[in-house]
Full PDB file with SEQRES, HELIX, SHEET, SSBOND, CRYST1, ORIGX, SCALE, CONECT and MASTER records, all heavy atoms in Angstrom:
SEQRES   1 A   44  VAL THR GLY MET THR ILE THR GLU VAL LYS GLY PHE GLY          
SEQRES   2 A   44  ARG GLN ARG GLY HIS LYS GLU ILE TYR ARG GLY ALA GLU          
SEQRES   3 A   44  TYR HIS ILE ASP PHE ILE PRO LYS ILE LEU ILE SER LEU          
SEQRES   4 A   44  VAL LEU THR ASP ASP                                          
SHEET    1 AA1 2 THR A   5  GLY A  11  0                                        
SHEET    2 AA1 2 ILE A  32  SER A  38 -1                                        
SHEET    1 AA2 2 HIS A  18  TYR A  22  0                                        
SHEET    2 AA2 2 ALA A  25  ILE A  29 -1                                        
CRYST1    1.000    1.000    1.000  90.00  90.00  90.00 P 1           1          
ORIGX1      1.000000  0.000000  0.000000        0.00000                         
ORIGX2      0.000000  1.000000  0.000000        0.00000                         
ORIGX3      0.000000  0.000000  1.000000        0.00000                         
SCALE1      1.000000  0.000000  0.000000        0.00000                         
SCALE2      0.000000  1.000000  0.000000        0.00000                         
SCALE3      0.000000  0.000000  1.000000        0.00000                         
ATOM      1  N   VAL A   1      45.373 155.382 128.028  1.00  0.00           N  
ATOM      2  CA  VAL A   1      44.804 154.274 127.243  1.00  0.00           C  
ATOM      3  C   VAL A   1      43.265 154.166 127.828  1.00  0.00           C  
ATOM      4  O   VAL A   1      42.958 153.949 128.983  1.00  0.00           O  
ATOM      5  CB  VAL A   1      45.484 152.935 127.472  1.00  0.00           C  
ATOM      6  CG1 VAL A   1      44.669 151.820 126.767  1.00  0.00           C  
ATOM      7  CG2 VAL A   1      46.857 153.119 126.843  1.00  0.00           C  
ATOM      8  N   THR A   2      42.304 154.282 126.897  1.00  0.00           N  
ATOM      9  CA  THR A   2      40.879 154.364 127.330  1.00  0.00           C  
ATOM     10  C   THR A   2      40.084 153.026 127.262  1.00  0.00           C  
ATOM     11  O   THR A   2      39.010 152.904 127.684  1.00  0.00           O  
ATOM     12  CB  THR A   2      40.194 155.338 126.615  1.00  0.00           C  
ATOM     13  OG1 THR A   2      40.202 155.130 125.109  1.00  0.00           O  
ATOM     14  CG2 THR A   2      40.703 156.782 126.740  1.00  0.00           C  
ATOM     15  N   GLY A   3      40.739 152.091 126.502  1.00  0.00           N  
ATOM     16  CA  GLY A   3      40.053 150.793 126.359  1.00  0.00           C  
ATOM     17  C   GLY A   3      40.985 149.710 126.113  1.00  0.00           C  
ATOM     18  O   GLY A   3      42.089 149.882 125.498  1.00  0.00           O  
ATOM     19  N   MET A   4      40.665 148.439 126.428  1.00  0.00           N  
ATOM     20  CA  MET A   4      41.429 147.236 126.257  1.00  0.00           C  
ATOM     21  C   MET A   4      40.587 146.026 126.285  1.00  0.00           C  
ATOM     22  O   MET A   4      39.500 146.047 126.897  1.00  0.00           O  
ATOM     23  CB  MET A   4      42.550 147.156 127.228  1.00  0.00           C  
ATOM     24  CG  MET A   4      42.077 146.997 128.681  1.00  0.00           C  
ATOM     25  SD  MET A   4      43.461 147.020 129.898  1.00  0.00           S  
ATOM     26  CE  MET A   4      43.871 148.875 129.915  1.00  0.00           C  
ATOM     27  N   THR A   5      41.046 145.089 125.625  1.00  0.00           N  
ATOM     28  CA  THR A   5      40.188 143.712 125.844  1.00  0.00           C  
ATOM     29  C   THR A   5      41.168 142.724 126.499  1.00  0.00           C  
ATOM     30  O   THR A   5      42.318 142.626 126.196  1.00  0.00           O  
ATOM     31  CB  THR A   5      40.005 143.163 124.387  1.00  0.00           C  
ATOM     32  OG1 THR A   5      39.066 144.170 123.741  1.00  0.00           O  
ATOM     33  CG2 THR A   5      39.300 141.790 124.457  1.00  0.00           C  
ATOM     34  N   ILE A   6      40.660 142.071 127.464  1.00  0.00           N  
ATOM     35  CA  ILE A   6      41.436 141.068 128.267  1.00  0.00           C  
ATOM     36  C   ILE A   6      40.791 139.600 128.021  1.00  0.00           C  
ATOM     37  O   ILE A   6      39.706 139.560 128.066  1.00  0.00           O  
ATOM     38  CB  ILE A   6      41.281 141.372 129.891  1.00  0.00           C  
ATOM     39  CG1 ILE A   6      41.654 142.864 130.139  1.00  0.00           C  
ATOM     40  CG2 ILE A   6      42.071 140.393 130.594  1.00  0.00           C  
ATOM     41  CD1 ILE A   6      42.975 143.225 129.756  1.00  0.00           C  
ATOM     42  N   THR A   7      41.672 138.651 127.787  1.00  0.00           N  
ATOM     43  CA  THR A   7      41.397 137.413 127.669  1.00  0.00           C  
ATOM     44  C   THR A   7      42.215 136.471 128.397  1.00  0.00           C  
ATOM     45  O   THR A   7      43.514 136.579 128.570  1.00  0.00           O  
ATOM     46  CB  THR A   7      41.605 136.955 126.150  1.00  0.00           C  
ATOM     47  OG1 THR A   7      40.952 137.817 125.265  1.00  0.00           O  
ATOM     48  CG2 THR A   7      41.049 135.511 125.818  1.00  0.00           C  
ATOM     49  N   GLU A   8      41.660 135.556 129.202  1.00  0.00           N  
ATOM     50  CA  GLU A   8      42.347 134.476 129.796  1.00  0.00           C  
ATOM     51  C   GLU A   8      42.723 133.426 129.076  1.00  0.00           C  
ATOM     52  O   GLU A   8      42.015 132.827 128.203  1.00  0.00           O  
ATOM     53  CB  GLU A   8      41.593 133.878 131.047  1.00  0.00           C  
ATOM     54  CG  GLU A   8      41.164 134.884 132.104  1.00  0.00           C  
ATOM     55  CD  GLU A   8      40.287 134.297 133.138  1.00  0.00           C  
ATOM     56  OE1 GLU A   8      40.096 133.013 133.141  1.00  0.00           O  
ATOM     57  OE2 GLU A   8      39.868 135.033 134.027  1.00  0.00           O  
ATOM     58  N   VAL A   9      44.111 133.150 128.888  1.00  0.00           N  
ATOM     59  CA  VAL A   9      44.715 132.144 127.937  1.00  0.00           C  
ATOM     60  C   VAL A   9      45.544 131.312 128.676  1.00  0.00           C  
ATOM     61  O   VAL A   9      45.927 131.476 129.741  1.00  0.00           O  
ATOM     62  CB  VAL A   9      45.366 132.962 126.690  1.00  0.00           C  
ATOM     63  CG1 VAL A   9      44.529 133.696 125.897  1.00  0.00           C  
ATOM     64  CG2 VAL A   9      46.606 133.601 127.269  1.00  0.00           C  
ATOM     65  N   LYS A  10      46.090 130.183 127.973  1.00  0.00           N  
ATOM     66  CA  LYS A  10      46.977 129.314 128.526  1.00  0.00           C  
ATOM     67  C   LYS A  10      47.970 128.965 127.519  1.00  0.00           C  
ATOM     68  O   LYS A  10      47.696 128.998 126.175  1.00  0.00           O  
ATOM     69  CB  LYS A  10      46.327 127.936 128.936  1.00  0.00           C  
ATOM     70  CG  LYS A  10      45.481 128.063 130.062  1.00  0.00           C  
ATOM     71  CD  LYS A  10      44.895 126.659 130.513  1.00  0.00           C  
ATOM     72  CE  LYS A  10      43.958 126.809 131.690  1.00  0.00           C  
ATOM     73  NZ  LYS A  10      43.549 125.517 132.208  1.00  0.00           N  
ATOM     74  N   GLY A  11      49.245 128.844 127.910  1.00  0.00           N  
ATOM     75  CA  GLY A  11      50.275 128.537 126.906  1.00  0.00           C  
ATOM     76  C   GLY A  11      51.585 128.398 127.569  1.00  0.00           C  
ATOM     77  O   GLY A  11      51.774 128.318 128.850  1.00  0.00           O  
ATOM     78  N   PHE A  12      52.655 128.180 126.837  1.00  0.00           N  
ATOM     79  CA  PHE A  12      54.025 128.022 127.329  1.00  0.00           C  
ATOM     80  C   PHE A  12      55.068 128.568 126.383  1.00  0.00           C  
ATOM     81  O   PHE A  12      54.713 128.598 125.058  1.00  0.00           O  
ATOM     82  CB  PHE A  12      54.378 126.689 127.703  1.00  0.00           C  
ATOM     83  CG  PHE A  12      54.495 125.600 126.710  1.00  0.00           C  
ATOM     84  CD1 PHE A  12      55.694 125.479 126.054  1.00  0.00           C  
ATOM     85  CD2 PHE A  12      53.414 124.879 126.254  1.00  0.00           C  
ATOM     86  CE1 PHE A  12      55.752 124.611 125.026  1.00  0.00           C  
ATOM     87  CE2 PHE A  12      53.532 124.027 125.269  1.00  0.00           C  
ATOM     88  CZ  PHE A  12      54.622 123.883 124.593  1.00  0.00           C  
ATOM     89  N   GLY A  13      56.156 129.005 126.734  1.00  0.00           N  
ATOM     90  CA  GLY A  13      57.238 129.382 126.006  1.00  0.00           C  
ATOM     91  C   GLY A  13      58.442 128.645 126.361  1.00  0.00           C  
ATOM     92  O   GLY A  13      58.439 127.482 126.543  1.00  0.00           O  
ATOM     93  N   ARG A  14      59.533 129.342 126.742  1.00  0.00           N  
ATOM     94  CA  ARG A  14      60.802 128.639 127.076  1.00  0.00           C  
ATOM     95  C   ARG A  14      60.665 127.870 128.336  1.00  0.00           C  
ATOM     96  O   ARG A  14      61.417 126.926 128.550  1.00  0.00           O  
ATOM     97  CB  ARG A  14      61.908 129.736 127.220  1.00  0.00           C  
ATOM     98  CG  ARG A  14      62.342 130.298 125.913  1.00  0.00           C  
ATOM     99  CD  ARG A  14      63.514 131.201 126.007  1.00  0.00           C  
ATOM    100  NE  ARG A  14      63.842 131.727 124.838  1.00  0.00           N  
ATOM    101  CZ  ARG A  14      64.552 132.809 124.621  1.00  0.00           C  
ATOM    102  NH1 ARG A  14      64.942 133.387 125.794  1.00  0.00           N  
ATOM    103  NH2 ARG A  14      64.916 133.222 123.381  1.00  0.00           N  
ATOM    104  N   GLN A  15      59.712 128.324 129.240  1.00  0.00           N  
ATOM    105  CA  GLN A  15      59.671 127.659 130.518  1.00  0.00           C  
ATOM    106  C   GLN A  15      59.098 126.250 130.431  1.00  0.00           C  
ATOM    107  O   GLN A  15      59.266 125.404 131.389  1.00  0.00           O  
ATOM    108  CB  GLN A  15      58.612 128.417 131.436  1.00  0.00           C  
ATOM    109  CG  GLN A  15      57.199 128.447 131.006  1.00  0.00           C  
ATOM    110  CD  GLN A  15      56.444 129.685 131.528  1.00  0.00           C  
ATOM    111  OE1 GLN A  15      56.939 130.794 131.635  1.00  0.00           O  
ATOM    112  NE2 GLN A  15      55.254 129.399 132.062  1.00  0.00           N  
ATOM    113  N   ARG A  16      58.378 125.897 129.255  1.00  0.00           N  
ATOM    114  CA  ARG A  16      57.880 124.486 129.102  1.00  0.00           C  
ATOM    115  C   ARG A  16      57.046 124.055 130.153  1.00  0.00           C  
ATOM    116  O   ARG A  16      57.101 122.710 130.372  1.00  0.00           O  
ATOM    117  CB  ARG A  16      59.085 123.603 128.776  1.00  0.00           C  
ATOM    118  CG  ARG A  16      59.855 124.024 127.548  1.00  0.00           C  
ATOM    119  CD  ARG A  16      59.234 123.498 126.337  1.00  0.00           C  
ATOM    120  NE  ARG A  16      60.052 123.756 125.204  1.00  0.00           N  
ATOM    121  CZ  ARG A  16      59.589 124.042 124.094  1.00  0.00           C  
ATOM    122  NH1 ARG A  16      58.209 124.023 123.929  1.00  0.00           N  
ATOM    123  NH2 ARG A  16      60.340 124.385 123.020  1.00  0.00           N  
ATOM    124  N   GLY A  17      56.183 124.736 130.772  1.00  0.00           N  
ATOM    125  CA  GLY A  17      55.355 124.249 131.852  1.00  0.00           C  
ATOM    126  C   GLY A  17      56.020 124.133 133.271  1.00  0.00           C  
ATOM    127  O   GLY A  17      57.150 124.577 133.361  1.00  0.00           O  
ATOM    128  N   HIS A  18      55.418 123.363 134.140  1.00  0.00           N  
ATOM    129  CA  HIS A  18      56.017 123.033 135.340  1.00  0.00           C  
ATOM    130  C   HIS A  18      55.531 121.808 136.057  1.00  0.00           C  
ATOM    131  O   HIS A  18      54.387 121.377 135.488  1.00  0.00           O  
ATOM    132  CB  HIS A  18      55.934 124.286 136.190  1.00  0.00           C  
ATOM    133  CG  HIS A  18      54.625 124.629 136.733  1.00  0.00           C  
ATOM    134  ND1 HIS A  18      53.662 125.359 135.923  1.00  0.00           N  
ATOM    135  CD2 HIS A  18      53.873 124.200 137.790  1.00  0.00           C  
ATOM    136  CE1 HIS A  18      52.542 125.521 136.511  1.00  0.00           C  
ATOM    137  NE2 HIS A  18      52.699 124.797 137.745  1.00  0.00           N  
ATOM    138  N   LYS A  19      56.035 121.367 137.004  1.00  0.00           N  
ATOM    139  CA  LYS A  19      55.462 120.183 137.778  1.00  0.00           C  
ATOM    140  C   LYS A  19      54.928 120.569 139.158  1.00  0.00           C  
ATOM    141  O   LYS A  19      55.431 121.464 139.687  1.00  0.00           O  
ATOM    142  CB  LYS A  19      56.680 119.181 138.017  1.00  0.00           C  
ATOM    143  CG  LYS A  19      57.222 118.552 136.721  1.00  0.00           C  
ATOM    144  CD  LYS A  19      58.332 117.642 137.169  1.00  0.00           C  
ATOM    145  CE  LYS A  19      58.830 117.179 135.700  1.00  0.00           C  
ATOM    146  NZ  LYS A  19      60.082 116.512 135.901  1.00  0.00           N  
ATOM    147  N   GLU A  20      53.897 119.925 139.333  1.00  0.00           N  
ATOM    148  CA  GLU A  20      53.248 120.200 140.709  1.00  0.00           C  
ATOM    149  C   GLU A  20      53.016 118.809 141.356  1.00  0.00           C  
ATOM    150  O   GLU A  20      52.791 117.774 140.654  1.00  0.00           O  
ATOM    151  CB  GLU A  20      51.862 120.804 140.591  1.00  0.00           C  
ATOM    152  CG  GLU A  20      51.956 122.294 140.034  1.00  0.00           C  
ATOM    153  CD  GLU A  20      50.588 122.981 139.931  1.00  0.00           C  
ATOM    154  OE1 GLU A  20      49.527 122.426 140.342  1.00  0.00           O  
ATOM    155  OE2 GLU A  20      50.704 124.235 139.650  1.00  0.00           O  
ATOM    156  N   ILE A  21      52.877 118.786 142.656  1.00  0.00           N  
ATOM    157  CA  ILE A  21      52.681 117.596 143.454  1.00  0.00           C  
ATOM    158  C   ILE A  21      51.209 117.736 144.105  1.00  0.00           C  
ATOM    159  O   ILE A  21      51.033 118.777 144.852  1.00  0.00           O  
ATOM    160  CB  ILE A  21      53.798 117.356 144.506  1.00  0.00           C  
ATOM    161  CG1 ILE A  21      55.008 117.102 143.767  1.00  0.00           C  
ATOM    162  CG2 ILE A  21      53.276 116.181 145.396  1.00  0.00           C  
ATOM    163  CD1 ILE A  21      56.220 116.837 144.605  1.00  0.00           C  
ATOM    164  N   TYR A  22      50.321 116.763 143.841  1.00  0.00           N  
ATOM    165  CA  TYR A  22      49.117 117.011 144.470  1.00  0.00           C  
ATOM    166  C   TYR A  22      48.770 115.451 145.013  1.00  0.00           C  
ATOM    167  O   TYR A  22      48.839 114.581 144.336  1.00  0.00           O  
ATOM    168  CB  TYR A  22      47.963 117.280 143.400  1.00  0.00           C  
ATOM    169  CG  TYR A  22      46.562 117.251 143.960  1.00  0.00           C  
ATOM    170  CD1 TYR A  22      46.091 118.213 144.807  1.00  0.00           C  
ATOM    171  CD2 TYR A  22      45.636 116.194 143.585  1.00  0.00           C  
ATOM    172  CE1 TYR A  22      44.898 118.320 145.265  1.00  0.00           C  
ATOM    173  CE2 TYR A  22      44.439 116.173 144.029  1.00  0.00           C  
ATOM    174  CZ  TYR A  22      44.067 117.292 144.895  1.00  0.00           C  
ATOM    175  OH  TYR A  22      42.715 117.292 145.276  1.00  0.00           O  
ATOM    176  N   ARG A  23      48.607 115.547 146.357  1.00  0.00           N  
ATOM    177  CA  ARG A  23      48.307 114.271 147.115  1.00  0.00           C  
ATOM    178  C   ARG A  23      49.375 113.176 146.867  1.00  0.00           C  
ATOM    179  O   ARG A  23      49.029 111.929 146.634  1.00  0.00           O  
ATOM    180  CB  ARG A  23      46.890 113.801 146.816  1.00  0.00           C  
ATOM    181  CG  ARG A  23      45.844 114.745 147.348  1.00  0.00           C  
ATOM    182  CD  ARG A  23      44.398 113.961 147.216  1.00  0.00           C  
ATOM    183  NE  ARG A  23      43.422 114.941 147.755  1.00  0.00           N  
ATOM    184  CZ  ARG A  23      42.217 114.711 147.928  1.00  0.00           C  
ATOM    185  NH1 ARG A  23      41.802 113.547 147.519  1.00  0.00           N  
ATOM    186  NH2 ARG A  23      41.461 115.510 148.371  1.00  0.00           N  
ATOM    187  N   GLY A  24      50.581 113.623 146.699  1.00  0.00           N  
ATOM    188  CA  GLY A  24      51.637 112.791 146.604  1.00  0.00           C  
ATOM    189  C   GLY A  24      52.033 112.408 145.193  1.00  0.00           C  
ATOM    190  O   GLY A  24      53.041 111.701 144.973  1.00  0.00           O  
ATOM    191  N   ALA A  25      51.152 112.619 144.217  1.00  0.00           N  
ATOM    192  CA  ALA A  25      51.385 112.351 142.887  1.00  0.00           C  
ATOM    193  C   ALA A  25      52.011 113.511 142.161  1.00  0.00           C  
ATOM    194  O   ALA A  25      51.476 114.717 142.368  1.00  0.00           O  
ATOM    195  CB  ALA A  25      50.129 111.809 142.124  1.00  0.00           C  
ATOM    196  N   GLU A  26      52.978 113.410 141.293  1.00  0.00           N  
ATOM    197  CA  GLU A  26      53.500 114.472 140.529  1.00  0.00           C  
ATOM    198  C   GLU A  26      52.757 114.708 139.169  1.00  0.00           C  
ATOM    199  O   GLU A  26      52.655 113.658 138.477  1.00  0.00           O  
ATOM    200  CB  GLU A  26      55.008 114.139 140.337  1.00  0.00           C  
ATOM    201  CG  GLU A  26      55.787 115.300 139.712  1.00  0.00           C  
ATOM    202  CD  GLU A  26      57.257 115.128 139.500  1.00  0.00           C  
ATOM    203  OE1 GLU A  26      57.891 115.210 140.573  1.00  0.00           O  
ATOM    204  OE2 GLU A  26      57.661 114.647 138.524  1.00  0.00           O  
ATOM    205  N   TYR A  27      52.426 115.807 138.895  1.00  0.00           N  
ATOM    206  CA  TYR A  27      51.758 116.210 137.614  1.00  0.00           C  
ATOM    207  C   TYR A  27      52.648 117.304 136.994  1.00  0.00           C  
ATOM    208  O   TYR A  27      53.165 118.125 137.449  1.00  0.00           O  
ATOM    209  CB  TYR A  27      50.339 116.840 137.917  1.00  0.00           C  
ATOM    210  CG  TYR A  27      49.457 115.874 138.493  1.00  0.00           C  
ATOM    211  CD1 TYR A  27      49.244 115.731 139.902  1.00  0.00           C  
ATOM    212  CD2 TYR A  27      48.811 114.929 137.747  1.00  0.00           C  
ATOM    213  CE1 TYR A  27      48.384 114.877 140.444  1.00  0.00           C  
ATOM    214  CE2 TYR A  27      47.786 114.002 138.386  1.00  0.00           C  
ATOM    215  CZ  TYR A  27      47.649 113.946 139.757  1.00  0.00           C  
ATOM    216  OH  TYR A  27      46.744 113.204 140.384  1.00  0.00           O  
ATOM    217  N   HIS A  28      52.667 116.999 135.494  1.00  0.00           N  
ATOM    218  CA  HIS A  28      53.346 118.000 134.600  1.00  0.00           C  
ATOM    219  C   HIS A  28      52.254 118.859 134.056  1.00  0.00           C  
ATOM    220  O   HIS A  28      51.446 118.363 133.369  1.00  0.00           O  
ATOM    221  CB  HIS A  28      54.170 117.253 133.639  1.00  0.00           C  
ATOM    222  CG  HIS A  28      54.929 118.244 132.772  1.00  0.00           C  
ATOM    223  ND1 HIS A  28      56.074 118.871 133.314  1.00  0.00           N  
ATOM    224  CD2 HIS A  28      54.805 118.771 131.522  1.00  0.00           C  
ATOM    225  CE1 HIS A  28      56.558 119.779 132.396  1.00  0.00           C  
ATOM    226  NE2 HIS A  28      55.799 119.592 131.323  1.00  0.00           N  
ATOM    227  N   ILE A  29      52.382 120.100 134.385  1.00  0.00           N  
ATOM    228  CA  ILE A  29      51.352 121.134 133.762  1.00  0.00           C  
ATOM    229  C   ILE A  29      52.058 121.718 132.414  1.00  0.00           C  
ATOM    230  O   ILE A  29      53.016 122.433 132.544  1.00  0.00           O  
ATOM    231  CB  ILE A  29      51.143 122.257 134.809  1.00  0.00           C  
ATOM    232  CG1 ILE A  29      50.660 121.619 136.176  1.00  0.00           C  
ATOM    233  CG2 ILE A  29      50.033 123.238 134.349  1.00  0.00           C  
ATOM    234  CD1 ILE A  29      49.490 120.832 136.213  1.00  0.00           C  
ATOM    235  N   ASP A  30      51.548 121.469 131.306  1.00  0.00           N  
ATOM    236  CA  ASP A  30      52.042 121.973 130.195  1.00  0.00           C  
ATOM    237  C   ASP A  30      51.781 123.331 129.846  1.00  0.00           C  
ATOM    238  O   ASP A  30      52.567 124.150 129.434  1.00  0.00           O  
ATOM    239  CB  ASP A  30      51.634 121.166 128.923  1.00  0.00           C  
ATOM    240  CG  ASP A  30      52.183 119.689 128.985  1.00  0.00           C  
ATOM    241  OD1 ASP A  30      53.392 119.629 129.369  1.00  0.00           O  
ATOM    242  OD2 ASP A  30      51.541 118.751 128.509  1.00  0.00           O  
ATOM    243  N   PHE A  31      50.514 123.754 130.071  1.00  0.00           N  
ATOM    244  CA  PHE A  31      50.095 125.068 129.802  1.00  0.00           C  
ATOM    245  C   PHE A  31      49.870 125.910 130.932  1.00  0.00           C  
ATOM    246  O   PHE A  31      49.054 125.564 131.861  1.00  0.00           O  
ATOM    247  CB  PHE A  31      48.729 124.959 129.047  1.00  0.00           C  
ATOM    248  CG  PHE A  31      48.828 124.385 127.539  1.00  0.00           C  
ATOM    249  CD1 PHE A  31      48.520 122.975 127.376  1.00  0.00           C  
ATOM    250  CD2 PHE A  31      49.583 124.933 126.601  1.00  0.00           C  
ATOM    251  CE1 PHE A  31      48.620 122.386 126.237  1.00  0.00           C  
ATOM    252  CE2 PHE A  31      49.838 124.320 125.307  1.00  0.00           C  
ATOM    253  CZ  PHE A  31      49.311 123.027 125.120  1.00  0.00           C  
ATOM    254  N   ILE A  32      50.543 127.022 131.064  1.00  0.00           N  
ATOM    255  CA  ILE A  32      50.507 128.002 132.075  1.00  0.00           C  
ATOM    256  C   ILE A  32      49.457 129.023 131.930  1.00  0.00           C  
ATOM    257  O   ILE A  32      49.411 129.697 130.786  1.00  0.00           O  
ATOM    258  CB  ILE A  32      51.832 128.697 132.332  1.00  0.00           C  
ATOM    259  CG1 ILE A  32      52.926 127.639 132.298  1.00  0.00           C  
ATOM    260  CG2 ILE A  32      51.848 129.523 133.577  1.00  0.00           C  
ATOM    261  CD1 ILE A  32      52.919 126.646 133.390  1.00  0.00           C  
ATOM    262  N   PRO A  33      48.607 129.342 132.945  1.00  0.00           N  
ATOM    263  CA  PRO A  33      47.562 130.376 132.753  1.00  0.00           C  
ATOM    264  C   PRO A  33      48.294 131.790 132.506  1.00  0.00           C  
ATOM    265  O   PRO A  33      49.216 132.074 133.365  1.00  0.00           O  
ATOM    266  CB  PRO A  33      46.837 130.369 134.006  1.00  0.00           C  
ATOM    267  CG  PRO A  33      47.128 129.188 134.783  1.00  0.00           C  
ATOM    268  CD  PRO A  33      48.411 128.763 134.167  1.00  0.00           C  
ATOM    269  N   LYS A  34      47.765 132.475 131.542  1.00  0.00           N  
ATOM    270  CA  LYS A  34      48.279 133.807 131.204  1.00  0.00           C  
ATOM    271  C   LYS A  34      47.181 134.823 130.972  1.00  0.00           C  
ATOM    272  O   LYS A  34      46.077 134.250 130.762  1.00  0.00           O  
ATOM    273  CB  LYS A  34      49.277 133.789 130.088  1.00  0.00           C  
ATOM    274  CG  LYS A  34      50.432 132.924 130.232  1.00  0.00           C  
ATOM    275  CD  LYS A  34      51.458 133.550 131.094  1.00  0.00           C  
ATOM    276  CE  LYS A  34      52.823 132.735 131.179  1.00  0.00           C  
ATOM    277  NZ  LYS A  34      53.744 133.195 132.064  1.00  0.00           N  
ATOM    278  N   ILE A  35      47.415 136.058 130.812  1.00  0.00           N  
ATOM    279  CA  ILE A  35      46.400 137.072 130.493  1.00  0.00           C  
ATOM    280  C   ILE A  35      46.883 137.663 129.174  1.00  0.00           C  
ATOM    281  O   ILE A  35      48.053 138.056 128.983  1.00  0.00           O  
ATOM    282  CB  ILE A  35      46.256 138.181 131.517  1.00  0.00           C  
ATOM    283  CG1 ILE A  35      45.790 137.533 132.888  1.00  0.00           C  
ATOM    284  CG2 ILE A  35      45.350 139.326 130.955  1.00  0.00           C  
ATOM    285  CD1 ILE A  35      44.275 137.035 132.757  1.00  0.00           C  
ATOM    286  N   LEU A  36      45.997 137.826 128.246  1.00  0.00           N  
ATOM    287  CA  LEU A  36      46.253 138.467 126.846  1.00  0.00           C  
ATOM    288  C   LEU A  36      45.581 139.756 126.845  1.00  0.00           C  
ATOM    289  O   LEU A  36      44.345 139.755 127.000  1.00  0.00           O  
ATOM    290  CB  LEU A  36      45.767 137.584 125.731  1.00  0.00           C  
ATOM    291  CG  LEU A  36      45.834 138.210 124.266  1.00  0.00           C  
ATOM    292  CD1 LEU A  36      47.434 138.485 124.052  1.00  0.00           C  
ATOM    293  CD2 LEU A  36      45.200 137.433 123.244  1.00  0.00           C  
ATOM    294  N   ILE A  37      46.325 140.830 126.765  1.00  0.00           N  
ATOM    295  CA  ILE A  37      45.749 142.232 126.643  1.00  0.00           C  
ATOM    296  C   ILE A  37      45.887 142.605 125.190  1.00  0.00           C  
ATOM    297  O   ILE A  37      46.905 142.586 124.699  1.00  0.00           O  
ATOM    298  CB  ILE A  37      46.597 143.199 127.631  1.00  0.00           C  
ATOM    299  CG1 ILE A  37      46.462 142.610 129.077  1.00  0.00           C  
ATOM    300  CG2 ILE A  37      46.040 144.563 127.545  1.00  0.00           C  
ATOM    301  CD1 ILE A  37      47.411 143.478 129.912  1.00  0.00           C  
ATOM    302  N   SER A  38      44.825 142.937 124.721  1.00  0.00           N  
ATOM    303  CA  SER A  38      44.808 143.538 123.280  1.00  0.00           C  
ATOM    304  C   SER A  38      44.397 145.013 123.282  1.00  0.00           C  
ATOM    305  O   SER A  38      43.293 145.394 124.035  1.00  0.00           O  
ATOM    306  CB  SER A  38      43.673 142.818 122.426  1.00  0.00           C  
ATOM    307  OG  SER A  38      44.034 141.432 122.258  1.00  0.00           O  
ATOM    308  N   LEU A  39      45.188 145.812 122.704  1.00  0.00           N  
ATOM    309  CA  LEU A  39      44.876 147.298 122.507  1.00  0.00           C  
ATOM    310  C   LEU A  39      45.103 147.714 121.025  1.00  0.00           C  
ATOM    311  O   LEU A  39      45.942 147.174 120.287  1.00  0.00           O  
ATOM    312  CB  LEU A  39      46.051 148.019 123.401  1.00  0.00           C  
ATOM    313  CG  LEU A  39      46.249 147.590 124.763  1.00  0.00           C  
ATOM    314  CD1 LEU A  39      47.624 148.232 125.234  1.00  0.00           C  
ATOM    315  CD2 LEU A  39      45.143 148.148 125.771  1.00  0.00           C  
ATOM    316  N   VAL A  40      44.308 148.641 120.596  1.00  0.00           N  
ATOM    317  CA  VAL A  40      44.414 149.255 119.373  1.00  0.00           C  
ATOM    318  C   VAL A  40      44.695 150.837 119.786  1.00  0.00           C  
ATOM    319  O   VAL A  40      43.743 151.420 120.372  1.00  0.00           O  
ATOM    320  CB  VAL A  40      43.256 149.179 118.349  1.00  0.00           C  
ATOM    321  CG1 VAL A  40      43.438 150.004 117.139  1.00  0.00           C  
ATOM    322  CG2 VAL A  40      43.263 147.738 118.022  1.00  0.00           C  
ATOM    323  N   LEU A  41      45.779 151.331 119.537  1.00  0.00           N  
ATOM    324  CA  LEU A  41      46.182 152.744 119.761  1.00  0.00           C  
ATOM    325  C   LEU A  41      46.662 153.596 118.673  1.00  0.00           C  
ATOM    326  O   LEU A  41      47.194 153.032 117.645  1.00  0.00           O  
ATOM    327  CB  LEU A  41      47.379 152.646 120.731  1.00  0.00           C  
ATOM    328  CG  LEU A  41      47.060 151.784 122.239  1.00  0.00           C  
ATOM    329  CD1 LEU A  41      48.421 151.791 122.977  1.00  0.00           C  
ATOM    330  CD2 LEU A  41      45.892 152.405 122.929  1.00  0.00           C  
ATOM    331  N   THR A  42      46.523 154.823 118.857  1.00  0.00           N  
ATOM    332  CA  THR A  42      47.130 155.747 117.826  1.00  0.00           C  
ATOM    333  C   THR A  42      48.602 155.696 118.067  1.00  0.00           C  
ATOM    334  O   THR A  42      49.174 155.314 119.044  1.00  0.00           O  
ATOM    335  CB  THR A  42      46.646 157.124 118.121  1.00  0.00           C  
ATOM    336  OG1 THR A  42      46.876 157.651 119.511  1.00  0.00           O  
ATOM    337  CG2 THR A  42      45.125 157.207 117.767  1.00  0.00           C  
ATOM    338  N   ASP A  43      49.416 156.077 117.064  1.00  0.00           N  
ATOM    339  CA  ASP A  43      50.887 155.842 116.935  1.00  0.00           C  
ATOM    340  C   ASP A  43      51.518 156.691 118.130  1.00  0.00           C  
ATOM    341  O   ASP A  43      52.649 156.287 118.562  1.00  0.00           O  
ATOM    342  CB  ASP A  43      51.414 156.407 115.614  1.00  0.00           C  
ATOM    343  CG  ASP A  43      51.028 155.490 114.396  1.00  0.00           C  
ATOM    344  OD1 ASP A  43      50.887 154.208 114.808  1.00  0.00           O  
ATOM    345  OD2 ASP A  43      50.975 155.850 113.301  1.00  0.00           O  
ATOM    346  N   ASP A  44      50.985 157.851 118.576  1.00  0.00           N  
ATOM    347  CA  ASP A  44      51.638 158.521 119.504  1.00  0.00           C  
ATOM    348  C   ASP A  44      51.592 157.843 121.013  1.00  0.00           C  
ATOM    349  O   ASP A  44      52.470 158.278 121.922  1.00  0.00           O  
ATOM    350  CB  ASP A  44      51.008 159.961 119.712  1.00  0.00           C  
ATOM    351  CG  ASP A  44      49.567 159.894 120.077  1.00  0.00           C  
ATOM    352  OD1 ASP A  44      48.776 159.070 119.432  1.00  0.00           O  
ATOM    353  OD2 ASP A  44      49.049 160.700 120.804  1.00  0.00           O  
TER     354      ASP A  44                                                      
MASTER        0    0    0    0    4    0    0    6  353    1    0    4          
END                                                                             
């Protein structure tokens, strides 16, 4: 593969985010950081 496009994205699927604790307070993080890789390739 000679080329690709990378994008930093945020989202969620079945995991539905997660909870974090910061300085004693609990926060619900809805969107998880992910990477989107886009490729256009020949069929082979």
